[in-house]
PDB file of N, CA and C in Angstrom:
ATOM      1  N   UNK A   1      54.992 -18.613 -18.627  1.00  0.00           N
ATOM      2  CA  UNK A   1      55.566 -18.303 -17.320  1.00  0.00           C
ATOM      3  C   UNK A   1      55.615 -16.784 -17.154  1.00  0.00           C
ATOM      4  N   UNK A   2      55.066 -16.282 -16.066  1.00  0.00           N
ATOM      5  CA  UNK A   2      55.036 -14.840 -15.859  1.00  0.00           C
ATOM      6  C   UNK A   2      56.333 -14.353 -15.228  1.00  0.00           C
ATOM      7  N   UNK A   3      56.711 -13.140 -15.603  1.00  0.00           N
ATOM      8  CA  UNK A   3      57.947 -12.546 -15.095  1.00  0.00           C
ATOM      9  C   UNK A   3      57.587 -11.525 -14.020  1.00  0.00           C
ATOM     10  N   UNK A   4      57.009 -11.994 -12.927  1.00  0.00           N
ATOM     11  CA  UNK A   4      56.587 -11.102 -11.857  1.00  0.00           C
ATOM     12  C   UNK A   4      57.548 -11.270 -10.682  1.00  0.00           C
ATOM     13  N   UNK A   5      58.241 -10.168 -10.362  1.00  0.00           N
ATOM     14  CA  UNK A   5      59.150 -10.216  -9.218  1.00  0.00           C
ATOM     15  C   UNK A   5      58.329 -10.247  -7.939  1.00  0.00           C
ATOM     16  N   UNK A   6      58.794 -10.990  -6.952  1.00  0.00           N
ATOM     17  CA  UNK A   6      58.089 -11.050  -5.681  1.00  0.00           C
ATOM     18  C   UNK A   6      58.871 -10.369  -4.563  1.00  0.00           C
ATOM     19  N   UNK A   7      59.970  -9.720  -4.933  1.00  0.00           N
ATOM     20  CA  UNK A   7      60.664  -8.885  -3.950  1.00  0.00           C
ATOM     21  C   UNK A   7      61.547  -7.877  -4.675  1.00  0.00           C
ATOM     22  N   UNK A   8      61.817  -6.790  -3.975  1.00  0.00           N
ATOM     23  CA  UNK A   8      62.628  -5.725  -4.563  1.00  0.00           C
ATOM     24  C   UNK A   8      64.107  -6.063  -4.504  1.00  0.00           C
ATOM     25  N   UNK A   9      64.856  -5.475  -5.441  1.00  0.00           N
ATOM     26  CA  UNK A   9      66.297  -5.658  -5.479  1.00  0.00           C
ATOM     27  C   UNK A   9      66.939  -4.911  -4.320  1.00  0.00           C
ATOM     28  N   UNK A  10      68.143  -5.303  -3.974  1.00  0.00           N
ATOM     29  CA  UNK A  10      68.843  -4.695  -2.831  1.00  0.00           C
ATOM     30  C   UNK A  10      69.021  -3.191  -3.011  1.00  0.00           C
ATOM     31  N   UNK A  11      69.300  -2.736  -4.235  1.00  0.00           N
ATOM     32  CA  UNK A  11      69.479  -1.292  -4.462  1.00  0.00           C
ATOM     33  C   UNK A  11      68.173  -0.535  -4.199  1.00  0.00           C
ATOM     34  N   UNK A  12      67.045  -1.142  -4.551  1.00  0.00           N
ATOM     35  CA  UNK A  12      65.748  -0.528  -4.258  1.00  0.00           C
ATOM     36  C   UNK A  12      65.508  -0.493  -2.746  1.00  0.00           C
ATOM     37  N   UNK A  13      65.815  -1.587  -2.074  1.00  0.00           N
ATOM     38  CA  UNK A  13      65.609  -1.659  -0.626  1.00  0.00           C
ATOM     39  C   UNK A  13      66.471  -0.624   0.099  1.00  0.00           C
ATOM     40  N   UNK A  14      67.678  -0.397  -0.413  1.00  0.00           N
ATOM     41  CA  UNK A  14      68.549   0.618   0.182  1.00  0.00           C
ATOM     42  C   UNK A  14      67.892   1.991   0.071  1.00  0.00           C
ATOM     43  N   UNK A  15      67.318   2.283  -1.100  1.00  0.00           N
ATOM     44  CA  UNK A  15      66.636   3.562  -1.313  1.00  0.00           C
ATOM     45  C   UNK A  15      65.434   3.698  -0.369  1.00  0.00           C
ATOM     46  N   UNK A  16      64.646   2.635  -0.255  1.00  0.00           N
ATOM     47  CA  UNK A  16      63.485   2.660   0.643  1.00  0.00           C
ATOM     48  C   UNK A  16      63.919   2.842   2.096  1.00  0.00           C
ATOM     49  N   UNK A  17      64.999   2.161   2.482  1.00  0.00           N
ATOM     50  CA  UNK A  17      65.515   2.267   3.850  1.00  0.00           C
ATOM     51  C   UNK A  17      65.880   3.718   4.164  1.00  0.00           C
ATOM     52  N   UNK A  18      66.529   4.386   3.201  1.00  0.00           N
ATOM     53  CA  UNK A  18      66.908   5.796   3.384  1.00  0.00           C
ATOM     54  C   UNK A  18      65.669   6.683   3.529  1.00  0.00           C
ATOM     55  N   UNK A  19      64.678   6.463   2.678  1.00  0.00           N
ATOM     56  CA  UNK A  19      63.427   7.234   2.745  1.00  0.00           C
ATOM     57  C   UNK A  19      62.769   7.036   4.107  1.00  0.00           C
ATOM     58  N   UNK A  20      62.697   5.791   4.543  1.00  0.00           N
ATOM     59  CA  UNK A  20      62.043   5.469   5.817  1.00  0.00           C
ATOM     60  C   UNK A  20      62.796   6.094   6.984  1.00  0.00           C
ATOM     61  N   UNK A  21      64.113   5.975   6.974  1.00  0.00           N
ATOM     62  CA  UNK A  21      64.909   6.554   8.074  1.00  0.00           C
ATOM     63  C   UNK A  21      64.746   8.069   8.151  1.00  0.00           C
ATOM     64  N   UNK A  22      64.675   8.736   6.999  1.00  0.00           N
ATOM     65  CA  UNK A  22      64.451  10.188   6.985  1.00  0.00           C
ATOM     66  C   UNK A  22      63.072  10.519   7.553  1.00  0.00           C
ATOM     67  N   UNK A  23      62.067   9.726   7.164  1.00  0.00           N
ATOM     68  CA  UNK A  23      60.710   9.967   7.659  1.00  0.00           C
ATOM     69  C   UNK A  23      60.625   9.716   9.164  1.00  0.00           C
ATOM     70  N   UNK A  24      61.326   8.706   9.655  1.00  0.00           N
ATOM     71  CA  UNK A  24      61.333   8.424  11.096  1.00  0.00           C
ATOM     72  C   UNK A  24      61.966   9.592  11.844  1.00  0.00           C
ATOM     73  N   UNK A  25      63.103  10.078  11.357  1.00  0.00           N
ATOM     74  CA  UNK A  25      63.791  11.190  12.024  1.00  0.00           C
ATOM     75  C   UNK A  25      62.879  12.418  12.088  1.00  0.00           C
ATOM     76  N   UNK A  26      62.226  12.721  10.979  1.00  0.00           N
ATOM     77  CA  UNK A  26      61.326  13.888  10.947  1.00  0.00           C
ATOM     78  C   UNK A  26      60.117  13.669  11.864  1.00  0.00           C
ATOM     79  N   UNK A  27      59.554  12.462  11.816  1.00  0.00           N
ATOM     80  CA  UNK A  27      58.377  12.154  12.636  1.00  0.00           C
ATOM     81  C   UNK A  27      58.719  12.224  14.123  1.00  0.00           C
ATOM     82  N   UNK A  28      59.917  11.785  14.494  1.00  0.00           N
ATOM     83  CA  UNK A  28      60.327  11.849  15.899  1.00  0.00           C
ATOM     84  C   UNK A  28      60.500  13.292  16.355  1.00  0.00           C
ATOM     85  N   UNK A  29      61.021  14.154  15.474  1.00  0.00           N
ATOM     86  CA  UNK A  29      61.129  15.581  15.801  1.00  0.00           C
ATOM     87  C   UNK A  29      59.735  16.180  16.002  1.00  0.00           C
ATOM     88  N   UNK A  30      58.822  15.850  15.099  1.00  0.00           N
ATOM     89  CA  UNK A  30      57.454  16.359  15.204  1.00  0.00           C
ATOM     90  C   UNK A  30      56.785  15.865  16.483  1.00  0.00           C
ATOM     91  N   UNK A  31      57.046  14.613  16.841  1.00  0.00           N
ATOM     92  CA  UNK A  31      56.462  14.043  18.046  1.00  0.00           C
ATOM     93  C   UNK A  31      56.964  14.774  19.295  1.00  0.00           C
ATOM     94  N   UNK A  32      58.244  15.085  19.323  1.00  0.00           N
ATOM     95  CA  UNK A  32      58.806  15.842  20.456  1.00  0.00           C
ATOM     96  C   UNK A  32      58.104  17.192  20.575  1.00  0.00           C
ATOM     97  N   UNK A  33      57.903  17.860  19.451  1.00  0.00           N
ATOM     98  CA  UNK A  33      57.235  19.165  19.462  1.00  0.00           C
ATOM     99  C   UNK A  33      55.786  19.042  19.931  1.00  0.00           C
ATOM    100  N   UNK A  34      55.092  18.010  19.465  1.00  0.00           N
ATOM    101  CA  UNK A  34      53.701  17.805  19.891  1.00  0.00           C
ATOM    102  C   UNK A  34      53.609  17.528  21.386  1.00  0.00           C
ATOM    103  N   UNK A  35      54.500  16.676  21.871  1.00  0.00           N
ATOM    104  CA  UNK A  35      54.486  16.360  23.301  1.00  0.00           C
ATOM    105  C   UNK A  35      54.805  17.591  24.131  1.00  0.00           C
ATOM    106  N   UNK A  36      55.741  18.384  23.654  1.00  0.00           N
ATOM    107  CA  UNK A  36      56.082  19.614  24.371  1.00  0.00           C
ATOM    108  C   UNK A  36      54.883  20.554  24.402  1.00  0.00           C
ATOM    109  N   UNK A  37      54.131  20.582  23.316  1.00  0.00           N
ATOM    110  CA  UNK A  37      52.974  21.479  23.236  1.00  0.00           C
ATOM    111  C   UNK A  37      51.876  21.075  24.216  1.00  0.00           C
ATOM    112  N   UNK A  38      51.618  19.767  24.355  1.00  0.00           N
ATOM    113  CA  UNK A  38      50.532  19.390  25.271  1.00  0.00           C
ATOM    114  C   UNK A  38      50.997  19.225  26.711  1.00  0.00           C
ATOM    115  N   UNK A  39      52.298  19.129  26.906  1.00  0.00           N
ATOM    116  CA  UNK A  39      52.797  19.050  28.289  1.00  0.00           C
ATOM    117  C   UNK A  39      53.159  20.419  28.842  1.00  0.00           C
ATOM    118  N   UNK A  40      53.139  21.431  27.975  1.00  0.00           N
ATOM    119  CA  UNK A  40      53.557  22.773  28.382  1.00  0.00           C
ATOM    120  C   UNK A  40      52.531  23.390  29.315  1.00  0.00           C
ATOM    121  N   UNK A  41      52.886  23.438  30.555  1.00  0.00           N
ATOM    122  CA  UNK A  41      52.018  24.118  31.517  1.00  0.00           C
ATOM    123  C   UNK A  41      52.808  25.220  32.221  1.00  0.00           C
ATOM    124  N   UNK A  42      53.808  25.755  31.523  1.00  0.00           N
ATOM    125  CA  UNK A  42      54.634  26.807  32.096  1.00  0.00           C
ATOM    126  C   UNK A  42      53.902  28.147  32.119  1.00  0.00           C
ATOM    127  N   UNK A  43      52.895  28.303  31.276  1.00  0.00           N
ATOM    128  CA  UNK A  43      52.186  29.579  31.198  1.00  0.00           C
ATOM    129  C   UNK A  43      50.965  29.564  32.103  1.00  0.00           C
ATOM    130  N   UNK A  44      51.206  29.607  33.398  1.00  0.00           N
ATOM    131  CA  UNK A  44      50.113  29.625  34.377  1.00  0.00           C
ATOM    132  C   UNK A  44      49.953  31.010  34.986  1.00  0.00           C
ATOM    133  N   UNK A  45      50.265  32.025  34.189  1.00  0.00           N
ATOM    134  CA  UNK A  45      50.185  33.398  34.677  1.00  0.00           C
ATOM    135  C   UNK A  45      48.751  33.829  34.911  1.00  0.00           C
ATOM    136  N   UNK A  46      48.614  34.963  35.551  1.00  0.00           N
ATOM    137  CA  UNK A  46      47.280  35.495  35.863  1.00  0.00           C
ATOM    138  C   UNK A  46      47.050  36.818  35.154  1.00  0.00           C
ATOM    139  N   UNK A  47      47.637  36.959  33.950  1.00  0.00           N
ATOM    140  CA  UNK A  47      47.513  38.213  33.211  1.00  0.00           C
ATOM    141  C   UNK A  47      46.067  38.548  32.892  1.00  0.00           C
ATOM    142  N   UNK A  48      45.324  37.590  32.370  1.00  0.00           N
ATOM    143  CA  UNK A  48      43.915  37.808  32.025  1.00  0.00           C
ATOM    144  C   UNK A  48      43.057  37.122  33.079  1.00  0.00           C
ATOM    145  N   UNK A  49      42.829  37.792  34.173  1.00  0.00           N
ATOM    146  CA  UNK A  49      42.112  37.148  35.270  1.00  0.00           C
ATOM    147  C   UNK A  49      40.616  37.396  35.228  1.00  0.00           C
ATOM    148  N   UNK A  50      40.150  38.115  34.220  1.00  0.00           N
ATOM    149  CA  UNK A  50      38.705  38.275  34.061  1.00  0.00           C
ATOM    150  C   UNK A  50      38.113  36.889  33.875  1.00  0.00           C
ATOM    151  N   UNK A  51      37.015  36.591  34.576  1.00  0.00           N
ATOM    152  CA  UNK A  51      36.456  35.235  34.549  1.00  0.00           C
ATOM    153  C   UNK A  51      36.049  34.802  33.148  1.00  0.00           C
ATOM    154  N   UNK A  52      35.503  35.705  32.344  1.00  0.00           N
ATOM    155  CA  UNK A  52      35.100  35.301  30.995  1.00  0.00           C
ATOM    156  C   UNK A  52      36.322  35.009  30.133  1.00  0.00           C
ATOM    157  N   UNK A  53      37.363  35.846  30.227  1.00  0.00           N
ATOM    158  CA  UNK A  53      38.595  35.575  29.504  1.00  0.00           C
ATOM    159  C   UNK A  53      39.167  34.239  29.933  1.00  0.00           C
ATOM    160  N   UNK A  54      39.197  34.037  31.231  1.00  0.00           N
ATOM    161  CA  UNK A  54      39.820  32.843  31.785  1.00  0.00           C
ATOM    162  C   UNK A  54      39.100  31.574  31.313  1.00  0.00           C
ATOM    163  N   UNK A  55      37.773  31.559  31.351  1.00  0.00           N
ATOM    164  CA  UNK A  55      37.053  30.343  30.962  1.00  0.00           C
ATOM    165  C   UNK A  55      37.202  30.060  29.467  1.00  0.00           C
ATOM    166  N   UNK A  56      37.152  31.112  28.635  1.00  0.00           N
ATOM    167  CA  UNK A  56      37.357  30.894  27.196  1.00  0.00           C
ATOM    168  C   UNK A  56      38.764  30.404  26.930  1.00  0.00           C
ATOM    169  N   UNK A  57      39.711  31.027  27.590  1.00  0.00           N
ATOM    170  CA  UNK A  57      41.107  30.674  27.391  1.00  0.00           C
ATOM    171  C   UNK A  57      41.377  29.241  27.838  1.00  0.00           C
ATOM    172  N   UNK A  58      40.840  28.857  28.991  1.00  0.00           N
ATOM    173  CA  UNK A  58      41.056  27.498  29.493  1.00  0.00           C
ATOM    174  C   UNK A  58      40.402  26.466  28.585  1.00  0.00           C
ATOM    175  N   UNK A  59      39.198  26.772  28.109  1.00  0.00           N
ATOM    176  CA  UNK A  59      38.520  25.849  27.203  1.00  0.00           C
ATOM    177  C   UNK A  59      39.295  25.653  25.921  1.00  0.00           C
ATOM    178  N   UNK A  60      39.786  26.734  25.383  1.00  0.00           N
ATOM    179  CA  UNK A  60      40.582  26.679  24.158  1.00  0.00           C
ATOM    180  C   UNK A  60      41.875  25.911  24.394  1.00  0.00           C
ATOM    181  N   UNK A  61      42.488  26.146  25.554  1.00  0.00           N
ATOM    182  CA  UNK A  61      43.735  25.470  25.884  1.00  0.00           C
ATOM    183  C   UNK A  61      43.530  23.958  26.018  1.00  0.00           C
ATOM    184  N   UNK A  62      42.430  23.567  26.652  1.00  0.00           N
ATOM    185  CA  UNK A  62      42.128  22.140  26.805  1.00  0.00           C
ATOM    186  C   UNK A  62      41.908  21.504  25.440  1.00  0.00           C
ATOM    187  N   UNK A  63      41.166  22.195  24.574  1.00  0.00           N
ATOM    188  CA  UNK A  63      40.931  21.661  23.225  1.00  0.00           C
ATOM    189  C   UNK A  63      42.238  21.515  22.455  1.00  0.00           C
ATOM    190  N   UNK A  64      43.110  22.500  22.583  1.00  0.00           N
ATOM    191  CA  UNK A  64      44.403  22.422  21.899  1.00  0.00           C
ATOM    192  C   UNK A  64      45.243  21.263  22.427  1.00  0.00           C
ATOM    193  N   UNK A  65      45.234  21.085  23.745  1.00  0.00           N
ATOM    194  CA  UNK A  65      45.999  19.972  24.329  1.00  0.00           C
ATOM    195  C   UNK A  65      45.439  18.628  23.854  1.00  0.00           C
ATOM    196  N   UNK A  66      44.111  18.503  23.829  1.00  0.00           N
ATOM    197  CA  UNK A  66      43.499  17.253  23.364  1.00  0.00           C
ATOM    198  C   UNK A  66      43.854  16.989  21.908  1.00  0.00           C
ATOM    199  N   UNK A  67      43.815  18.031  21.094  1.00  0.00           N
ATOM    200  CA  UNK A  67      44.174  17.892  19.683  1.00  0.00           C
ATOM    201  C   UNK A  67      45.627  17.449  19.550  1.00  0.00           C
ATOM    202  N   UNK A  68      46.516  18.066  20.329  1.00  0.00           N
ATOM    203  CA  UNK A  68      47.931  17.696  20.269  1.00  0.00           C
ATOM    204  C   UNK A  68      48.172  16.274  20.765  1.00  0.00           C
ATOM    205  N   UNK A  69      47.421  15.842  21.762  1.00  0.00           N
ATOM    206  CA  UNK A  69      47.544  14.458  22.239  1.00  0.00           C
ATOM    207  C   UNK A  69      47.137  13.500  21.124  1.00  0.00           C
ATOM    208  N   UNK A  70      46.023  13.799  20.453  1.00  0.00           N
ATOM    209  CA  UNK A  70      45.573  12.944  19.349  1.00  0.00           C
ATOM    210  C   UNK A  70      46.603  12.920  18.218  1.00  0.00           C
ATOM    211  N   UNK A  71      47.158  14.070  17.895  1.00  0.00           N
ATOM    212  CA  UNK A  71      48.192  14.133  16.859  1.00  0.00           C
ATOM    213  C   UNK A  71      49.434  13.341  17.279  1.00  0.00           C
ATOM    214  N   UNK A  72      49.789  13.422  18.554  1.00  0.00           N
ATOM    215  CA  UNK A  72      50.951  12.675  19.054  1.00  0.00           C
ATOM    216  C   UNK A  72      50.705  11.173  18.960  1.00  0.00           C
ATOM    217  N   UNK A  73      49.492  10.741  19.271  1.00  0.00           N
ATOM    218  CA  UNK A  73      49.151   9.308  19.168  1.00  0.00           C
ATOM    219  C   UNK A  73      49.278   8.849  17.716  1.00  0.00           C
ATOM    220  N   UNK A  74      48.765   9.660  16.791  1.00  0.00           N
ATOM    221  CA  UNK A  74      48.876   9.326  15.360  1.00  0.00           C
ATOM    222  C   UNK A  74      50.339   9.284  14.932  1.00  0.00           C
ATOM    223  N   UNK A  75      51.131  10.222  15.440  1.00  0.00           N
ATOM    224  CA  UNK A  75      52.551  10.281  15.084  1.00  0.00           C
ATOM    225  C   UNK A  75      53.285   9.049  15.614  1.00  0.00           C
ATOM    226  N   UNK A  76      52.952   8.613  16.832  1.00  0.00           N
ATOM    227  CA  UNK A  76      53.567   7.408  17.393  1.00  0.00           C
ATOM    228  C   UNK A  76      53.216   6.185  16.547  1.00  0.00           C
ATOM    229  N   UNK A  77      51.980   6.100  16.078  1.00  0.00           N
ATOM    230  CA  UNK A  77      51.566   4.993  15.215  1.00  0.00           C
ATOM    231  C   UNK A  77      52.331   5.040  13.891  1.00  0.00           C
ATOM    232  N   UNK A  78      52.491   6.242  13.340  1.00  0.00           N
ATOM    233  CA  UNK A  78      53.233   6.415  12.091  1.00  0.00           C
ATOM    234  C   UNK A  78      54.669   5.930  12.258  1.00  0.00           C
ATOM    235  N   UNK A  79      55.308   6.305  13.353  1.00  0.00           N
ATOM    236  CA  UNK A  79      56.685   5.870  13.622  1.00  0.00           C
ATOM    237  C   UNK A  79      56.745   4.347  13.769  1.00  0.00           C
ATOM    238  N   UNK A  80      55.768   3.782  14.490  1.00  0.00           N
ATOM    239  CA  UNK A  80      55.713   2.321  14.642  1.00  0.00           C
ATOM    240  C   UNK A  80      55.560   1.642  13.278  1.00  0.00           C
ATOM    241  N   UNK A  81      54.686   2.186  12.423  1.00  0.00           N
ATOM    242  CA  UNK A  81      54.489   1.614  11.083  1.00  0.00           C
ATOM    243  C   UNK A  81      55.770   1.700  10.247  1.00  0.00           C
ATOM    244  N   UNK A  82      56.477   2.812  10.365  1.00  0.00           N
ATOM    245  CA  UNK A  82      57.740   2.958   9.632  1.00  0.00           C
ATOM    246  C   UNK A  82      58.787   1.969  10.147  1.00  0.00           C
ATOM    247  N   UNK A  83      58.856   1.786  11.465  1.00  0.00           N
ATOM    248  CA  UNK A  83      59.791   0.799  12.022  1.00  0.00           C
ATOM    249  C   UNK A  83      59.428  -0.614  11.583  1.00  0.00           C
ATOM    250  N   UNK A  84      58.136  -0.894  11.493  1.00  0.00           N
ATOM    251  CA  UNK A  84      57.703  -2.201  10.991  1.00  0.00           C
ATOM    252  C   UNK A  84      58.111  -2.387   9.532  1.00  0.00           C
ATOM    253  N   UNK A  85      58.087  -1.300   8.763  1.00  0.00           N
ATOM    254  CA  UNK A  85      58.536  -1.373   7.366  1.00  0.00           C
ATOM    255  C   UNK A  85      60.020  -1.737   7.308  1.00  0.00           C
ATOM    256  N   UNK A  86      60.816  -1.156   8.224  1.00  0.00           N
ATOM    257  CA  UNK A  86      62.240  -1.522   8.277  1.00  0.00           C
ATOM    258  C   UNK A  86      62.413  -3.003   8.601  1.00  0.00           C
ATOM    259  N   UNK A  87      61.576  -3.521   9.486  1.00  0.00           N
ATOM    260  CA  UNK A  87      61.631  -4.956   9.803  1.00  0.00           C
ATOM    261  C   UNK A  87      61.291  -5.803   8.577  1.00  0.00           C
ATOM    262  N   UNK A  88      60.305  -5.349   7.799  1.00  0.00           N
ATOM    263  CA  UNK A  88      59.942  -6.088   6.578  1.00  0.00           C
ATOM    264  C   UNK A  88      61.088  -6.061   5.563  1.00  0.00           C
ATOM    265  N   UNK A  89      61.846  -4.968   5.534  1.00  0.00           N
ATOM    266  CA  UNK A  89      63.015  -4.922   4.653  1.00  0.00           C
ATOM    267  C   UNK A  89      64.008  -5.991   5.099  1.00  0.00           C
ATOM    268  N   UNK A  90      64.237  -6.066   6.404  1.00  0.00           N
ATOM    269  CA  UNK A  90      65.202  -7.033   6.938  1.00  0.00           C
ATOM    270  C   UNK A  90      64.769  -8.482   6.718  1.00  0.00           C
ATOM    271  N   UNK A  91      63.460  -8.745   6.837  1.00  0.00           N
ATOM    272  CA  UNK A  91      63.026 -10.139   6.690  1.00  0.00           C
ATOM    273  C   UNK A  91      62.602 -10.505   5.266  1.00  0.00           C
ATOM    274  N   UNK A  92      62.780  -9.565   4.318  1.00  0.00           N
ATOM    275  CA  UNK A  92      62.560  -9.876   2.908  1.00  0.00           C
ATOM    276  C   UNK A  92      61.116  -9.803   2.435  1.00  0.00           C
ATOM    277  N   UNK A  93      60.238  -9.212   3.234  1.00  0.00           N
ATOM    278  CA  UNK A  93      58.830  -9.131   2.813  1.00  0.00           C
ATOM    279  C   UNK A  93      58.405  -7.712   2.457  1.00  0.00           C
ATOM    280  N   UNK A  94      59.338  -6.774   2.461  1.00  0.00           N
ATOM    281  CA  UNK A  94      58.997  -5.381   2.199  1.00  0.00           C
ATOM    282  C   UNK A  94      58.507  -5.202   0.764  1.00  0.00           C
ATOM    283  N   UNK A  95      57.441  -4.432   0.624  1.00  0.00           N
ATOM    284  CA  UNK A  95      56.935  -4.089  -0.697  1.00  0.00           C
ATOM    285  C   UNK A  95      56.031  -5.127  -1.314  1.00  0.00           C
ATOM    286  N   UNK A  96      55.738  -6.186  -0.567  1.00  0.00           N
ATOM    287  CA  UNK A  96      54.845  -7.231  -1.070  1.00  0.00           C
ATOM    288  C   UNK A  96      53.464  -7.001  -0.470  1.00  0.00           C
ATOM    289  N   UNK A  97      52.466  -6.891  -1.330  1.00  0.00           N
ATOM    290  CA  UNK A  97      51.094  -6.665  -0.867  1.00  0.00           C
ATOM    291  C   UNK A  97      50.634  -7.852  -0.040  1.00  0.00           C
ATOM    292  N   UNK A  98      50.086  -7.568   1.143  1.00  0.00           N
ATOM    293  CA  UNK A  98      49.661  -8.649   2.031  1.00  0.00           C
ATOM    294  C   UNK A  98      48.357  -9.300   1.575  1.00  0.00           C
ATOM    295  N   UNK A  99      47.683  -8.723   0.578  1.00  0.00           N
ATOM    296  CA  UNK A  99      46.448  -9.319   0.041  1.00  0.00           C
ATOM    297  C   UNK A  99      46.726 -10.067  -1.259  1.00  0.00           C
ATOM    298  N   UNK A 100      47.381  -9.385  -2.209  1.00  0.00           N
ATOM    299  CA  UNK A 100      47.578  -9.987  -3.531  1.00  0.00           C
ATOM    300  C   UNK A 100      48.871 -10.787  -3.648  1.00  0.00           C
ATOM    301  N   UNK A 101      49.850 -10.488  -2.780  1.00  0.00           N
ATOM    302  CA  UNK A 101      51.142 -11.159  -2.867  1.00  0.00           C
ATOM    303  C   UNK A 101      52.041 -10.591  -3.952  1.00  0.00           C
ATOM    304  N   UNK A 102      51.564  -9.557  -4.645  1.00  0.00           N
ATOM    305  CA  UNK A 102      52.350  -8.924  -5.708  1.00  0.00           C
ATOM    306  C   UNK A 102      53.133  -7.752  -5.132  1.00  0.00           C
ATOM    307  N   UNK A 103      54.128  -7.303  -5.903  1.00  0.00           N
ATOM    308  CA  UNK A 103      54.902  -6.144  -5.479  1.00  0.00           C
ATOM    309  C   UNK A 103      54.040  -4.885  -5.523  1.00  0.00           C
ATOM    310  N   UNK A 104      54.164  -4.092  -4.490  1.00  0.00           N
ATOM    311  CA  UNK A 104      53.507  -2.784  -4.449  1.00  0.00           C
ATOM    312  C   UNK A 104      54.334  -1.860  -5.343  1.00  0.00           C
ATOM    313  N   UNK A 105      53.665  -1.009  -6.108  1.00  0.00           N
ATOM    314  CA  UNK A 105      54.378  -0.115  -7.025  1.00  0.00           C
ATOM    315  C   UNK A 105      55.406   0.730  -6.289  1.00  0.00           C
ATOM    316  N   UNK A 106      56.549   0.880  -6.915  1.00  0.00           N
ATOM    317  CA  UNK A 106      57.658   1.636  -6.327  1.00  0.00           C
ATOM    318  C   UNK A 106      57.245   3.080  -6.021  1.00  0.00           C
ATOM    319  N   UNK A 107      56.482   3.693  -6.920  1.00  0.00           N
ATOM    320  CA  UNK A 107      56.043   5.074  -6.724  1.00  0.00           C
ATOM    321  C   UNK A 107      55.194   5.187  -5.459  1.00  0.00           C
ATOM    322  N   UNK A 108      54.334   4.188  -5.224  1.00  0.00           N
ATOM    323  CA  UNK A 108      53.496   4.191  -4.015  1.00  0.00           C
ATOM    324  C   UNK A 108      54.365   4.092  -2.769  1.00  0.00           C
ATOM    325  N   UNK A 109      55.354   3.214  -2.808  1.00  0.00           N
ATOM    326  CA  UNK A 109      56.218   3.024  -1.637  1.00  0.00           C
ATOM    327  C   UNK A 109      57.084   4.254  -1.362  1.00  0.00           C
ATOM    328  N   UNK A 110      57.418   4.994  -2.402  1.00  0.00           N
ATOM    329  CA  UNK A 110      58.187   6.225  -2.176  1.00  0.00           C
ATOM    330  C   UNK A 110      57.336   7.252  -1.439  1.00  0.00           C
ATOM    331  N   UNK A 111      56.039   7.290  -1.751  1.00  0.00           N
ATOM    332  CA  UNK A 111      55.135   8.232  -1.093  1.00  0.00           C
ATOM    333  C   UNK A 111      54.659   7.725   0.262  1.00  0.00           C
ATOM    334  N   UNK A 112      54.362   6.426   0.333  1.00  0.00           N
ATOM    335  CA  UNK A 112      53.850   5.804   1.558  1.00  0.00           C
ATOM    336  C   UNK A 112      54.726   4.581   1.845  1.00  0.00           C
ATOM    337  N   UNK A 113      55.928   4.815   2.389  1.00  0.00           N
ATOM    338  CA  UNK A 113      56.890   3.706   2.521  1.00  0.00           C
ATOM    339  C   UNK A 113      56.474   2.616   3.502  1.00  0.00           C
ATOM    340  N   UNK A 114      55.452   2.866   4.301  1.00  0.00           N
ATOM    341  CA  UNK A 114      54.995   1.848   5.237  1.00  0.00           C
ATOM    342  C   UNK A 114      53.779   1.084   4.703  1.00  0.00           C
ATOM    343  N   UNK A 115      53.436   1.306   3.430  1.00  0.00           N
ATOM    344  CA  UNK A 115      52.273   0.646   2.830  1.00  0.00           C
ATOM    345  C   UNK A 115      52.443  -0.871   2.826  1.00  0.00           C
ATOM    346  N   UNK A 116      51.353  -1.562   3.107  1.00  0.00           N
ATOM    347  CA  UNK A 116      51.364  -3.033   3.048  1.00  0.00           C
ATOM    348  C   UNK A 116      50.343  -3.540   2.037  1.00  0.00           C
ATOM    349  N   UNK A 117      49.650  -2.610   1.387  1.00  0.00           N
ATOM    350  CA  UNK A 117      48.652  -2.961   0.380  1.00  0.00           C
ATOM    351  C   UNK A 117      48.965  -2.262  -0.930  1.00  0.00           C
ATOM    352  N   UNK A 118      48.753  -2.979  -2.033  1.00  0.00           N
ATOM    353  CA  UNK A 118      48.877  -2.353  -3.349  1.00  0.00           C
ATOM    354  C   UNK A 118      47.660  -1.470  -3.563  1.00  0.00           C
ATOM    355  N   UNK A 119      47.724  -0.621  -4.565  1.00  0.00           N
ATOM    356  CA  UNK A 119      46.584   0.225  -4.902  1.00  0.00           C
ATOM    357  C   UNK A 119      45.372  -0.651  -5.216  1.00  0.00           C
ATOM    358  N   UNK A 120      45.613  -1.721  -5.932  1.00  0.00           N
ATOM    359  CA  UNK A 120      44.554  -2.672  -6.309  1.00  0.00           C
ATOM    360  C   UNK A 120      43.844  -3.217  -5.060  1.00  0.00           C
ATOM    361  N   UNK A 121      44.599  -3.655  -4.082  1.00  0.00           N
ATOM    362  CA  UNK A 121      44.022  -4.210  -2.852  1.00  0.00           C
ATOM    363  C   UNK A 121      43.349  -3.112  -2.028  1.00  0.00           C
ATOM    364  N   UNK A 122      43.948  -1.925  -2.010  1.00  0.00           N
ATOM    365  CA  UNK A 122      43.392  -0.804  -1.246  1.00  0.00           C
ATOM    366  C   UNK A 122      42.033  -0.403  -1.809  1.00  0.00           C
ATOM    367  N   UNK A 123      41.888  -0.414  -3.118  1.00  0.00           N
ATOM    368  CA  UNK A 123      40.610  -0.049  -3.740  1.00  0.00           C
ATOM    369  C   UNK A 123      39.512  -1.046  -3.410  1.00  0.00           C
ATOM    370  N   UNK A 124      39.892  -2.293  -3.235  1.00  0.00           N
ATOM    371  CA  UNK A 124      38.908  -3.345  -2.930  1.00  0.00           C
ATOM    372  C   UNK A 124      38.394  -3.274  -1.488  1.00  0.00           C
ATOM    373  N   UNK A 125      39.135  -2.563  -0.640  1.00  0.00           N
ATOM    374  CA  UNK A 125      38.755  -2.468   0.777  1.00  0.00           C
ATOM    375  C   UNK A 125      37.442  -1.756   0.959  1.00  0.00           C
TER     376      UNK A 125
END
């Protein structure tokens, strides 16, 4: 008979919950900053009105806004994944690999608390 746990102890789940909540708080702060960066259109001055300056500046600004939008989308997905991890804690499936059914290593979950795959399953992908 194998001694393989199929779920984490409550003390472990409490630790994971704290890690996840801290990551959510930080990610939400970062998301606010990203959104502010791509929504910021307060700098519509005409200081550099030379056409070449203006076109380079506008092109660079558009690229920066697009980059920030993409980063914001990734950040929103990260927050959603972290919230889903909290749901898995509540329903008792947190830390269980969705491919192998085994517990994901604690060290992995500390680094990537929203992980749903063990290293073993991730390598097979």
